[in-house]
Amino acid sequence: MFPGINLISKFSGIVLASLAISSCVTETVESPNSMKFSDTALIAVQDPNAFVTKGSTIAWLPDAVHFYEDERLENAPVRALIEKEIVKNLLEKEMILVESVAGSKYAIAYTAALESSLDDSAIIRRFGLMPGNSQVPQDDSNIEKGSLIVYIFENSSNDVIWRSAAQVGVKFDMPAEERKQRVQRVLAEMFQTFKVSE
């Protein structure tokens, strides 16, 4: 009845299986040795056998979207910013966003959380990716490490064909315009690793 539910139940097994595929391409966007708090640590994996073409249809897989709310960010529209930038980047890749996952070739989902809700060991267990941002100050209650993992499924095979994880320091009192620009930059960096052909 709901094709997306099958995808979710298989997701854990798919991620583990995709880790075993030695032909996956991993891209790491490395920051300089003197990494600053504002830098993003990012890693991405795309299946080289999955040829995503411009004009392919893609839909949200709502049951696989996980946004961990935090009261310290209740006045910041972080979820809306993330979703708007994901859509913007998909459209820039000339993907066609459709309403139903049942009628699309691909499905997209994401997980966004602060470290207090989803720590590094849980991320590596669940997603098989670890950007490893260690530059976030540990003694500042106004800052916490945040992680964003975006993944794309191919509906016909239920395979995860691309996934990217980014980590950055989240400053709770950051001005709204600066936060918006930061979310835009992080998502743009992530989607640079998503290869789409003619």
N, C-alpha and C. Protein backbone atom coordinates (compact mmCIF):
# COMPACT_ATOMS: atom_id res chain seq x y z
N MET A 1 0.82 -1.20 0.00
CA MET A 1 0.00 0.00 0.00
C MET A 1 0.86 1.26 0.00
N PHE A 2 1.91 1.30 0.85
CA PHE A 2 2.84 2.43 0.91
C PHE A 2 4.22 1.93 0.55
N PRO A 3 4.66 2.15 -0.71
CA PRO A 3 5.94 1.61 -1.15
C PRO A 3 7.12 2.15 -0.35
N GLY A 4 6.99 3.35 0.21
CA GLY A 4 8.09 3.92 0.98
C GLY A 4 8.40 3.15 2.25
N ILE A 5 7.40 2.47 2.81
CA ILE A 5 7.60 1.73 4.06
C ILE A 5 8.57 0.58 3.83
N ASN A 6 8.46 -0.11 2.69
CA ASN A 6 9.41 -1.16 2.37
C ASN A 6 10.82 -0.62 2.33
N LEU A 7 10.98 0.57 1.77
CA LEU A 7 12.31 1.17 1.68
C LEU A 7 12.89 1.40 3.07
N ILE A 8 12.06 1.90 3.97
CA ILE A 8 12.54 2.20 5.31
C ILE A 8 12.96 0.93 6.03
N SER A 9 12.15 -0.11 5.94
CA SER A 9 12.49 -1.35 6.65
C SER A 9 13.75 -1.99 6.11
N LYS A 10 14.03 -1.73 4.83
CA LYS A 10 15.23 -2.32 4.23
C LYS A 10 16.44 -1.42 4.35
N PHE A 11 16.23 -0.18 4.81
CA PHE A 11 17.30 0.81 4.78
C PHE A 11 18.54 0.37 5.55
N SER A 12 18.36 -0.14 6.75
CA SER A 12 19.52 -0.55 7.55
C SER A 12 20.33 -1.61 6.84
N GLY A 13 19.65 -2.61 6.29
CA GLY A 13 20.36 -3.67 5.56
C GLY A 13 21.02 -3.14 4.30
N ILE A 14 20.36 -2.20 3.65
CA ILE A 14 20.90 -1.64 2.42
C ILE A 14 22.18 -0.88 2.71
N VAL A 15 22.17 -0.08 3.78
CA VAL A 15 23.36 0.69 4.13
C VAL A 15 24.52 -0.25 4.42
N LEU A 16 24.26 -1.30 5.20
CA LEU A 16 25.32 -2.25 5.52
C LEU A 16 25.82 -2.95 4.27
N ALA A 17 24.90 -3.32 3.39
CA ALA A 17 25.31 -3.99 2.14
C ALA A 17 26.10 -3.05 1.26
N SER A 18 25.68 -1.79 1.23
CA SER A 18 26.39 -0.85 0.37
C SER A 18 27.79 -0.57 0.87
N LEU A 19 28.01 -0.73 2.17
CA LEU A 19 29.36 -0.57 2.71
C LEU A 19 30.27 -1.68 2.24
N ALA A 20 29.70 -2.84 1.98
CA ALA A 20 30.49 -3.99 1.57
C ALA A 20 30.88 -3.93 0.10
N ILE A 21 30.23 -3.04 -0.65
CA ILE A 21 30.53 -2.94 -2.08
C ILE A 21 31.84 -2.19 -2.25
N SER A 22 32.83 -2.88 -2.75
CA SER A 22 34.15 -2.25 -2.85
C SER A 22 34.25 -1.28 -4.01
N SER A 23 33.29 -1.32 -4.93
CA SER A 23 33.38 -0.45 -6.10
C SER A 23 32.77 0.93 -5.86
N CYS A 24 32.32 1.21 -4.65
CA CYS A 24 31.75 2.52 -4.37
C CYS A 24 32.82 3.59 -4.44
N VAL A 25 32.41 4.77 -4.84
CA VAL A 25 33.33 5.89 -4.91
C VAL A 25 33.07 6.76 -3.68
N THR A 26 34.13 7.03 -2.94
CA THR A 26 34.02 7.87 -1.77
C THR A 26 34.73 9.18 -2.04
N GLU A 27 34.04 10.27 -1.75
CA GLU A 27 34.65 11.58 -1.90
C GLU A 27 34.67 12.24 -0.55
N THR A 28 35.82 12.72 -0.16
CA THR A 28 35.94 13.46 1.08
C THR A 28 36.38 14.86 0.74
N VAL A 29 35.63 15.83 1.22
CA VAL A 29 36.02 17.21 1.01
C VAL A 29 36.82 17.60 2.24
N GLU A 30 38.11 17.73 2.06
CA GLU A 30 38.98 17.96 3.20
C GLU A 30 39.22 19.44 3.40
N SER A 31 39.25 19.81 4.67
CA SER A 31 39.60 21.17 5.03
C SER A 31 41.09 21.22 5.33
N PRO A 32 41.67 22.39 5.32
CA PRO A 32 43.09 22.50 5.62
C PRO A 32 43.38 21.99 7.03
N ASN A 33 44.68 21.75 7.30
CA ASN A 33 45.09 21.25 8.62
C ASN A 33 44.64 22.18 9.73
N SER A 34 44.61 23.46 9.45
CA SER A 34 44.17 24.42 10.47
C SER A 34 42.66 24.64 10.35
N MET A 35 41.90 23.58 10.47
CA MET A 35 40.45 23.64 10.32
C MET A 35 39.85 24.56 11.37
N LYS A 36 38.95 25.42 10.95
CA LYS A 36 38.32 26.37 11.86
C LYS A 36 36.94 25.86 12.25
N PHE A 37 36.41 26.47 13.30
CA PHE A 37 35.08 26.10 13.78
C PHE A 37 34.05 26.19 12.66
N SER A 38 34.19 27.20 11.80
CA SER A 38 33.18 27.44 10.77
C SER A 38 33.28 26.46 9.60
N ASP A 39 34.35 25.66 9.53
CA ASP A 39 34.52 24.73 8.43
C ASP A 39 33.56 23.55 8.53
N THR A 40 33.29 22.97 7.38
CA THR A 40 32.44 21.79 7.31
C THR A 40 33.30 20.57 7.03
N ALA A 41 33.08 19.51 7.79
CA ALA A 41 33.70 18.22 7.48
C ALA A 41 32.66 17.44 6.69
N LEU A 42 33.04 16.87 5.55
CA LEU A 42 32.07 16.25 4.66
C LEU A 42 32.63 14.99 4.03
N ILE A 43 31.78 13.99 3.89
CA ILE A 43 32.14 12.77 3.17
C ILE A 43 30.93 12.33 2.36
N ALA A 44 31.18 11.71 1.21
CA ALA A 44 30.08 11.26 0.34
C ALA A 44 30.47 9.97 -0.35
N VAL A 45 29.46 9.15 -0.63
CA VAL A 45 29.65 7.89 -1.35
C VAL A 45 28.58 7.80 -2.42
N GLN A 46 29.00 7.53 -3.66
CA GLN A 46 28.04 7.33 -4.75
C GLN A 46 28.38 6.03 -5.46
N ASP A 47 27.37 5.22 -5.70
CA ASP A 47 27.55 3.96 -6.41
C ASP A 47 27.90 4.27 -7.87
N PRO A 48 29.09 3.87 -8.34
CA PRO A 48 29.48 4.20 -9.72
C PRO A 48 28.67 3.46 -10.77
N ASN A 49 27.94 2.43 -10.37
CA ASN A 49 27.11 1.68 -11.31
C ASN A 49 25.71 2.26 -11.46
N ALA A 50 25.39 3.26 -10.67
CA ALA A 50 24.08 3.91 -10.75
C ALA A 50 24.24 5.19 -11.56
N PHE A 51 23.74 5.19 -12.78
CA PHE A 51 23.89 6.35 -13.66
C PHE A 51 22.64 7.22 -13.56
N VAL A 52 22.74 8.25 -12.77
CA VAL A 52 21.63 9.18 -12.60
C VAL A 52 21.70 10.19 -13.74
N THR A 53 20.59 10.36 -14.43
CA THR A 53 20.58 11.28 -15.57
C THR A 53 19.70 12.49 -15.27
N LYS A 54 20.05 13.60 -15.91
CA LYS A 54 19.24 14.81 -15.79
C LYS A 54 17.83 14.49 -16.28
N GLY A 55 16.84 15.08 -15.62
CA GLY A 55 15.45 14.83 -16.00
C GLY A 55 14.84 13.65 -15.27
N SER A 56 15.62 12.97 -14.42
CA SER A 56 15.07 11.85 -13.65
C SER A 56 14.13 12.39 -12.57
N THR A 57 13.11 11.60 -12.27
CA THR A 57 12.15 12.01 -11.25
C THR A 57 12.63 11.57 -9.87
N ILE A 58 12.32 12.42 -8.89
CA ILE A 58 12.70 12.14 -7.51
C ILE A 58 11.61 12.68 -6.59
N ALA A 59 11.38 12.00 -5.48
CA ALA A 59 10.35 12.42 -4.53
C ALA A 59 10.88 12.25 -3.11
N TRP A 60 10.32 13.01 -2.20
CA TRP A 60 10.65 12.84 -0.78
C TRP A 60 10.14 11.49 -0.30
N LEU A 61 10.90 10.87 0.56
CA LEU A 61 10.47 9.67 1.28
C LEU A 61 10.23 10.11 2.72
N PRO A 62 9.03 10.65 3.01
CA PRO A 62 8.78 11.34 4.28
C PRO A 62 9.06 10.48 5.51
N ASP A 63 8.75 9.19 5.44
CA ASP A 63 8.94 8.34 6.61
C ASP A 63 10.41 8.12 6.94
N ALA A 64 11.31 8.46 6.02
CA ALA A 64 12.74 8.29 6.25
C ALA A 64 13.42 9.63 6.56
N VAL A 65 12.64 10.70 6.66
CA VAL A 65 13.19 12.01 7.04
C VAL A 65 13.15 12.10 8.56
N HIS A 66 14.32 12.36 9.14
CA HIS A 66 14.42 12.45 10.61
C HIS A 66 15.11 13.75 10.99
N PHE A 67 14.34 14.65 11.57
CA PHE A 67 14.87 15.92 12.05
C PHE A 67 14.69 15.92 13.56
N TYR A 68 15.80 15.91 14.27
CA TYR A 68 15.76 15.87 15.73
C TYR A 68 15.63 17.30 16.26
N GLU A 69 14.45 17.63 16.76
CA GLU A 69 14.20 18.98 17.27
C GLU A 69 15.03 19.24 18.52
N ASP A 70 15.38 20.49 18.74
CA ASP A 70 16.10 20.90 19.94
C ASP A 70 15.57 22.26 20.35
N GLU A 71 15.19 22.39 21.62
CA GLU A 71 14.57 23.64 22.09
C GLU A 71 15.50 24.84 21.93
N ARG A 72 16.80 24.62 21.89
CA ARG A 72 17.74 25.73 21.73
C ARG A 72 17.69 26.32 20.33
N LEU A 73 17.05 25.61 19.40
CA LEU A 73 16.91 26.10 18.03
C LEU A 73 15.44 26.30 17.64
N GLU A 74 14.57 26.41 18.65
CA GLU A 74 13.13 26.45 18.35
C GLU A 74 12.72 27.67 17.54
N ASN A 75 13.46 28.75 17.62
CA ASN A 75 13.10 29.96 16.86
C ASN A 75 13.84 30.04 15.52
N ALA A 76 14.63 29.04 15.21
CA ALA A 76 15.37 29.03 13.95
C ALA A 76 14.72 28.01 13.01
N PRO A 77 14.35 28.43 11.81
CA PRO A 77 13.66 27.52 10.88
C PRO A 77 14.64 26.58 10.16
N VAL A 78 15.42 25.82 10.93
CA VAL A 78 16.49 25.00 10.36
C VAL A 78 15.92 23.93 9.44
N ARG A 79 14.86 23.27 9.86
CA ARG A 79 14.29 22.20 9.04
C ARG A 79 13.83 22.74 7.68
N ALA A 80 13.13 23.86 7.70
CA ALA A 80 12.65 24.46 6.46
C ALA A 80 13.83 24.88 5.57
N LEU A 81 14.88 25.41 6.18
CA LEU A 81 16.07 25.81 5.42
C LEU A 81 16.72 24.60 4.75
N ILE A 82 16.87 23.51 5.50
CA ILE A 82 17.49 22.29 4.96
C ILE A 82 16.68 21.78 3.77
N GLU A 83 15.38 21.66 3.96
CA GLU A 83 14.54 21.10 2.89
C GLU A 83 14.50 22.00 1.66
N LYS A 84 14.45 23.30 1.88
CA LYS A 84 14.46 24.24 0.75
C LYS A 84 15.76 24.11 -0.05
N GLU A 85 16.89 23.99 0.64
CA GLU A 85 18.18 23.89 -0.03
C GLU A 85 18.36 22.53 -0.72
N ILE A 86 17.81 21.47 -0.14
CA ILE A 86 17.87 20.16 -0.81
C ILE A 86 17.13 20.25 -2.14
N VAL A 87 15.92 20.81 -2.10
CA VAL A 87 15.12 20.95 -3.33
C VAL A 87 15.86 21.82 -4.34
N LYS A 88 16.40 22.95 -3.89
CA LYS A 88 17.13 23.85 -4.78
C LYS A 88 18.28 23.12 -5.47
N ASN A 89 19.04 22.34 -4.71
CA ASN A 89 20.18 21.63 -5.28
C ASN A 89 19.75 20.52 -6.23
N LEU A 90 18.64 19.84 -5.94
CA LEU A 90 18.12 18.84 -6.87
C LEU A 90 17.71 19.48 -8.19
N LEU A 91 17.04 20.63 -8.10
CA LEU A 91 16.61 21.33 -9.31
C LEU A 91 17.82 21.83 -10.11
N GLU A 92 18.87 22.26 -9.43
CA GLU A 92 20.09 22.68 -10.12
C GLU A 92 20.75 21.51 -10.84
N LYS A 93 20.55 20.29 -10.32
CA LYS A 93 21.07 19.08 -10.97
C LYS A 93 20.12 18.62 -12.09
N GLU A 94 19.05 19.40 -12.32
CA GLU A 94 18.03 19.12 -13.33
C GLU A 94 17.27 17.83 -13.07
N MET A 95 17.08 17.53 -11.78
CA MET A 95 16.20 16.45 -11.37
C MET A 95 14.78 17.03 -11.33
N ILE A 96 13.78 16.17 -11.53
CA ILE A 96 12.39 16.62 -11.51
C ILE A 96 11.74 16.12 -10.23
N LEU A 97 11.35 17.07 -9.37
CA LEU A 97 10.72 16.73 -8.09
C LEU A 97 9.25 16.43 -8.32
N VAL A 98 8.80 15.23 -7.92
CA VAL A 98 7.39 14.85 -8.05
C VAL A 98 6.81 14.59 -6.66
N GLU A 99 5.49 14.54 -6.59
CA GLU A 99 4.81 14.42 -5.31
C GLU A 99 4.91 13.04 -4.67
N SER A 100 4.78 12.01 -5.46
CA SER A 100 4.68 10.65 -4.90
C SER A 100 5.92 9.82 -5.19
N VAL A 101 6.41 9.17 -4.17
CA VAL A 101 7.56 8.29 -4.34
C VAL A 101 7.20 7.10 -5.24
N ALA A 102 5.91 6.75 -5.28
CA ALA A 102 5.46 5.63 -6.12
C ALA A 102 5.64 5.94 -7.60
N GLY A 103 5.62 7.21 -7.96
CA GLY A 103 5.75 7.58 -9.36
C GLY A 103 7.12 8.14 -9.73
N SER A 104 8.10 7.92 -8.86
CA SER A 104 9.42 8.50 -9.14
C SER A 104 10.47 7.41 -9.31
N LYS A 105 11.53 7.76 -10.00
CA LYS A 105 12.64 6.82 -10.18
C LYS A 105 13.51 6.76 -8.93
N TYR A 106 13.61 7.90 -8.23
CA TYR A 106 14.46 8.00 -7.04
C TYR A 106 13.67 8.56 -5.87
N ALA A 107 14.17 8.30 -4.67
CA ALA A 107 13.59 8.87 -3.45
C ALA A 107 14.72 9.50 -2.66
N ILE A 108 14.40 10.58 -1.95
CA ILE A 108 15.41 11.28 -1.15
C ILE A 108 14.93 11.45 0.27
N ALA A 109 15.86 11.36 1.21
CA ALA A 109 15.55 11.56 2.63
C ALA A 109 16.79 12.14 3.30
N TYR A 110 16.62 12.55 4.55
CA TYR A 110 17.77 13.06 5.29
C TYR A 110 17.55 12.86 6.78
N THR A 111 18.64 12.96 7.51
CA THR A 111 18.62 12.97 8.97
C THR A 111 19.45 14.16 9.42
N ALA A 112 18.91 14.96 10.33
CA ALA A 112 19.63 16.11 10.87
C ALA A 112 19.50 16.08 12.38
N ALA A 113 20.64 16.22 13.07
CA ALA A 113 20.62 16.14 14.53
C ALA A 113 21.84 16.80 15.13
N LEU A 114 21.67 17.25 16.35
CA LEU A 114 22.81 17.68 17.14
C LEU A 114 23.44 16.46 17.78
N GLU A 115 24.68 16.61 18.22
CA GLU A 115 25.41 15.48 18.79
C GLU A 115 24.71 14.90 20.02
N SER A 116 24.01 15.74 20.79
CA SER A 116 23.32 15.26 21.98
C SER A 116 22.16 14.32 21.64
N SER A 117 21.67 14.38 20.41
CA SER A 117 20.59 13.49 19.96
C SER A 117 21.10 12.32 19.14
N LEU A 118 22.20 12.51 18.42
CA LEU A 118 22.74 11.48 17.53
C LEU A 118 24.25 11.66 17.49
N ASP A 119 24.96 10.82 18.26
CA ASP A 119 26.41 11.00 18.34
C ASP A 119 27.12 10.27 17.20
N ASP A 120 28.43 10.46 17.14
CA ASP A 120 29.23 9.93 16.03
C ASP A 120 29.13 8.41 15.90
N SER A 121 29.13 7.70 17.03
CA SER A 121 29.07 6.23 16.95
C SER A 121 27.73 5.77 16.38
N ALA A 122 26.64 6.47 16.71
CA ALA A 122 25.33 6.12 16.15
C ALA A 122 25.29 6.42 14.66
N ILE A 123 25.93 7.50 14.24
CA ILE A 123 25.95 7.86 12.81
C ILE A 123 26.70 6.80 12.01
N ILE A 124 27.86 6.37 12.49
CA ILE A 124 28.62 5.37 11.75
C ILE A 124 27.88 4.04 11.71
N ARG A 125 27.20 3.69 12.81
CA ARG A 125 26.42 2.45 12.85
C ARG A 125 25.25 2.49 11.88
N ARG A 126 24.53 3.60 11.85
CA ARG A 126 23.30 3.68 11.06
C ARG A 126 23.53 4.02 9.60
N PHE A 127 24.56 4.80 9.32
CA PHE A 127 24.73 5.31 7.96
C PHE A 127 26.04 4.92 7.30
N GLY A 128 26.98 4.42 8.07
CA GLY A 128 28.25 3.99 7.51
C GLY A 128 29.13 5.13 7.02
N LEU A 129 28.88 6.33 7.50
CA LEU A 129 29.66 7.50 7.12
C LEU A 129 30.06 8.27 8.37
N MET A 130 31.26 8.82 8.37
CA MET A 130 31.67 9.64 9.49
C MET A 130 32.56 10.79 9.02
N PRO A 131 32.01 12.01 8.94
CA PRO A 131 32.82 13.15 8.52
C PRO A 131 33.94 13.46 9.50
N GLY A 132 33.69 13.25 10.80
CA GLY A 132 34.74 13.40 11.80
C GLY A 132 35.15 14.82 12.12
N ASN A 133 34.19 15.73 12.24
CA ASN A 133 34.51 17.09 12.63
C ASN A 133 34.84 17.12 14.11
N SER A 134 36.10 17.39 14.44
CA SER A 134 36.52 17.40 15.85
C SER A 134 36.90 18.80 16.31
N GLN A 135 36.53 19.81 15.53
CA GLN A 135 36.94 21.18 15.84
C GLN A 135 35.92 21.95 16.66
N VAL A 136 34.81 21.32 17.02
CA VAL A 136 33.77 22.03 17.77
C VAL A 136 34.19 22.13 19.23
N PRO A 137 34.21 23.34 19.79
CA PRO A 137 34.61 23.49 21.19
C PRO A 137 33.71 22.68 22.13
N GLN A 138 34.32 22.02 23.08
CA GLN A 138 33.56 21.17 24.01
C GLN A 138 33.12 21.92 25.27
N ASP A 139 33.67 23.10 25.48
CA ASP A 139 33.41 23.81 26.74
C ASP A 139 32.53 25.05 26.56
N ASP A 140 31.80 25.11 25.45
CA ASP A 140 30.95 26.26 25.16
C ASP A 140 29.51 25.77 25.01
N SER A 141 28.65 26.12 25.95
CA SER A 141 27.26 25.63 25.92
C SER A 141 26.44 26.26 24.80
N ASN A 142 27.00 27.26 24.12
CA ASN A 142 26.30 27.92 23.02
C ASN A 142 26.59 27.24 21.68
N ILE A 143 27.46 26.22 21.70
CA ILE A 143 27.86 25.55 20.45
C ILE A 143 27.78 24.04 20.64
N GLU A 144 27.26 23.36 19.62
CA GLU A 144 27.24 21.89 19.63
C GLU A 144 27.45 21.39 18.19
N LYS A 145 28.07 20.25 18.08
CA LYS A 145 28.28 19.67 16.75
C LYS A 145 26.94 19.22 16.18
N GLY A 146 26.71 19.56 14.92
CA GLY A 146 25.51 19.13 14.22
C GLY A 146 25.88 18.27 13.03
N SER A 147 25.05 17.27 12.74
CA SER A 147 25.29 16.37 11.61
C SER A 147 24.08 16.38 10.69
N LEU A 148 24.37 16.33 9.39
CA LEU A 148 23.33 16.23 8.38
C LEU A 148 23.73 15.12 7.43
N ILE A 149 22.85 14.15 7.26
CA ILE A 149 23.09 13.03 6.35
C ILE A 149 21.96 13.04 5.33
N VAL A 150 22.31 13.10 4.04
CA VAL A 150 21.33 13.10 2.96
C VAL A 150 21.57 11.84 2.14
N TYR A 151 20.49 11.12 1.75
CA TYR A 151 20.66 9.88 0.99
C TYR A 151 19.59 9.76 -0.07
N ILE A 152 20.00 9.16 -1.19
CA ILE A 152 19.10 8.97 -2.33
C ILE A 152 19.00 7.48 -2.63
N PHE A 153 17.76 6.99 -2.77
CA PHE A 153 17.47 5.60 -3.09
C PHE A 153 17.05 5.49 -4.55
N GLU A 154 17.37 4.37 -5.18
CA GLU A 154 16.79 4.03 -6.47
C GLU A 154 15.58 3.15 -6.18
N ASN A 155 14.41 3.58 -6.60
CA ASN A 155 13.18 2.88 -6.22
C ASN A 155 13.09 1.46 -6.76
N SER A 156 13.56 1.22 -7.98
CA SER A 156 13.39 -0.12 -8.57
C SER A 156 14.21 -1.18 -7.83
N SER A 157 15.35 -0.78 -7.27
CA SER A 157 16.22 -1.76 -6.60
C SER A 157 16.25 -1.59 -5.08
N ASN A 158 15.69 -0.49 -4.57
CA ASN A 158 15.76 -0.14 -3.15
C ASN A 158 17.19 0.13 -2.68
N ASP A 159 18.12 0.34 -3.60
CA ASP A 159 19.51 0.59 -3.23
C ASP A 159 19.74 2.06 -2.92
N VAL A 160 20.61 2.31 -1.95
CA VAL A 160 21.06 3.67 -1.68
C VAL A 160 22.16 3.94 -2.70
N ILE A 161 21.93 4.88 -3.60
CA ILE A 161 22.90 5.12 -4.68
C ILE A 161 23.85 6.28 -4.36
N TRP A 162 23.45 7.14 -3.42
CA TRP A 162 24.32 8.25 -3.00
C TRP A 162 23.96 8.61 -1.58
N ARG A 163 24.97 8.89 -0.81
CA ARG A 163 24.74 9.41 0.53
C ARG A 163 25.89 10.32 0.89
N SER A 164 25.58 11.35 1.63
CA SER A 164 26.60 12.31 2.04
C SER A 164 26.31 12.74 3.46
N ALA A 165 27.37 12.89 4.23
CA ALA A 165 27.25 13.33 5.61
C ALA A 165 28.14 14.55 5.83
N ALA A 166 27.60 15.53 6.52
CA ALA A 166 28.36 16.74 6.84
C ALA A 166 28.23 17.03 8.32
N GLN A 167 29.30 17.54 8.89
CA GLN A 167 29.27 17.95 10.29
C GLN A 167 29.84 19.36 10.40
N VAL A 168 29.21 20.14 11.26
CA VAL A 168 29.61 21.53 11.45
C VAL A 168 29.23 21.94 12.86
N GLY A 169 29.90 22.94 13.39
CA GLY A 169 29.52 23.48 14.69
C GLY A 169 28.26 24.32 14.55
N VAL A 170 27.28 24.05 15.41
CA VAL A 170 26.03 24.80 15.40
C VAL A 170 26.06 25.79 16.56
N LYS A 171 25.96 27.07 16.22
CA LYS A 171 25.96 28.13 17.24
C LYS A 171 24.50 28.52 17.46
N PHE A 172 24.01 28.37 18.67
CA PHE A 172 22.59 28.57 18.94
C PHE A 172 22.14 30.01 18.79
N ASP A 173 23.02 30.97 19.03
CA ASP A 173 22.61 32.38 18.92
C ASP A 173 23.07 33.01 17.61
N MET A 174 23.31 32.21 16.60
CA MET A 174 23.75 32.73 15.30
C MET A 174 22.64 33.58 14.67
N PRO A 175 22.98 34.73 14.10
CA PRO A 175 21.96 35.55 13.42
C PRO A 175 21.31 34.77 12.27
N ALA A 176 20.05 35.05 12.04
CA ALA A 176 19.25 34.28 11.07
C ALA A 176 19.87 34.28 9.68
N GLU A 177 20.35 35.42 9.21
CA GLU A 177 20.91 35.49 7.85
C GLU A 177 22.20 34.68 7.75
N GLU A 178 23.01 34.72 8.79
CA GLU A 178 24.24 33.94 8.80
C GLU A 178 23.93 32.44 8.81
N ARG A 179 22.92 32.05 9.59
CA ARG A 179 22.52 30.64 9.63
C ARG A 179 22.03 30.18 8.26
N LYS A 180 21.23 31.00 7.62
CA LYS A 180 20.72 30.68 6.28
C LYS A 180 21.87 30.47 5.30
N GLN A 181 22.83 31.38 5.30
CA GLN A 181 23.97 31.27 4.40
C GLN A 181 24.79 30.01 4.69
N ARG A 182 24.89 29.68 5.95
CA ARG A 182 25.66 28.50 6.33
C ARG A 182 24.99 27.22 5.85
N VAL A 183 23.68 27.13 6.03
CA VAL A 183 22.93 25.96 5.56
C VAL A 183 23.06 25.86 4.04
N GLN A 184 22.94 26.99 3.36
CA GLN A 184 23.09 26.99 1.90
C GLN A 184 24.45 26.47 1.48
N ARG A 185 25.50 26.92 2.17
CA ARG A 185 26.86 26.50 1.82
C ARG A 185 27.08 25.01 2.07
N VAL A 186 26.61 24.52 3.22
CA VAL A 186 26.78 23.10 3.55
C VAL A 186 26.08 22.22 2.53
N LEU A 187 24.83 22.54 2.20
CA LEU A 187 24.09 21.72 1.23
C LEU A 187 24.72 21.80 -0.16
N ALA A 188 25.21 22.97 -0.54
CA ALA A 188 25.86 23.10 -1.85
C ALA A 188 27.11 22.23 -1.91
N GLU A 189 27.89 22.20 -0.82
CA GLU A 189 29.08 21.36 -0.77
C GLU A 189 28.71 19.88 -0.85
N MET A 190 27.66 19.50 -0.16
CA MET A 190 27.23 18.10 -0.19
C MET A 190 26.82 17.68 -1.60
N PHE A 191 26.01 18.51 -2.25
CA PHE A 191 25.48 18.15 -3.56
C PHE A 191 26.51 18.27 -4.68
N GLN A 192 27.64 18.92 -4.41
CA GLN A 192 28.73 18.90 -5.40
C GLN A 192 29.21 17.48 -5.65
N THR A 193 29.03 16.60 -4.67
CA THR A 193 29.51 15.22 -4.80
C THR A 193 28.50 14.31 -5.47
N PHE A 194 27.27 14.79 -5.73
CA PHE A 194 26.23 13.99 -6.37
C PHE A 194 26.35 14.18 -7.87
N LYS A 195 26.79 13.14 -8.56
CA LYS A 195 27.06 13.22 -9.99
C LYS A 195 25.82 12.84 -10.81
N VAL A 196 25.44 13.73 -11.70
CA VAL A 196 24.31 13.53 -12.60
C VAL A 196 24.81 13.73 -14.02
N SER A 197 24.47 12.80 -14.91
CA SER A 197 24.95 12.88 -16.30
C SER A 197 23.84 13.34 -17.24
N GLU A 198 24.25 13.67 -18.46
CA GLU A 198 23.30 14.13 -19.48
C GLU A 198 22.34 13.03 -19.87
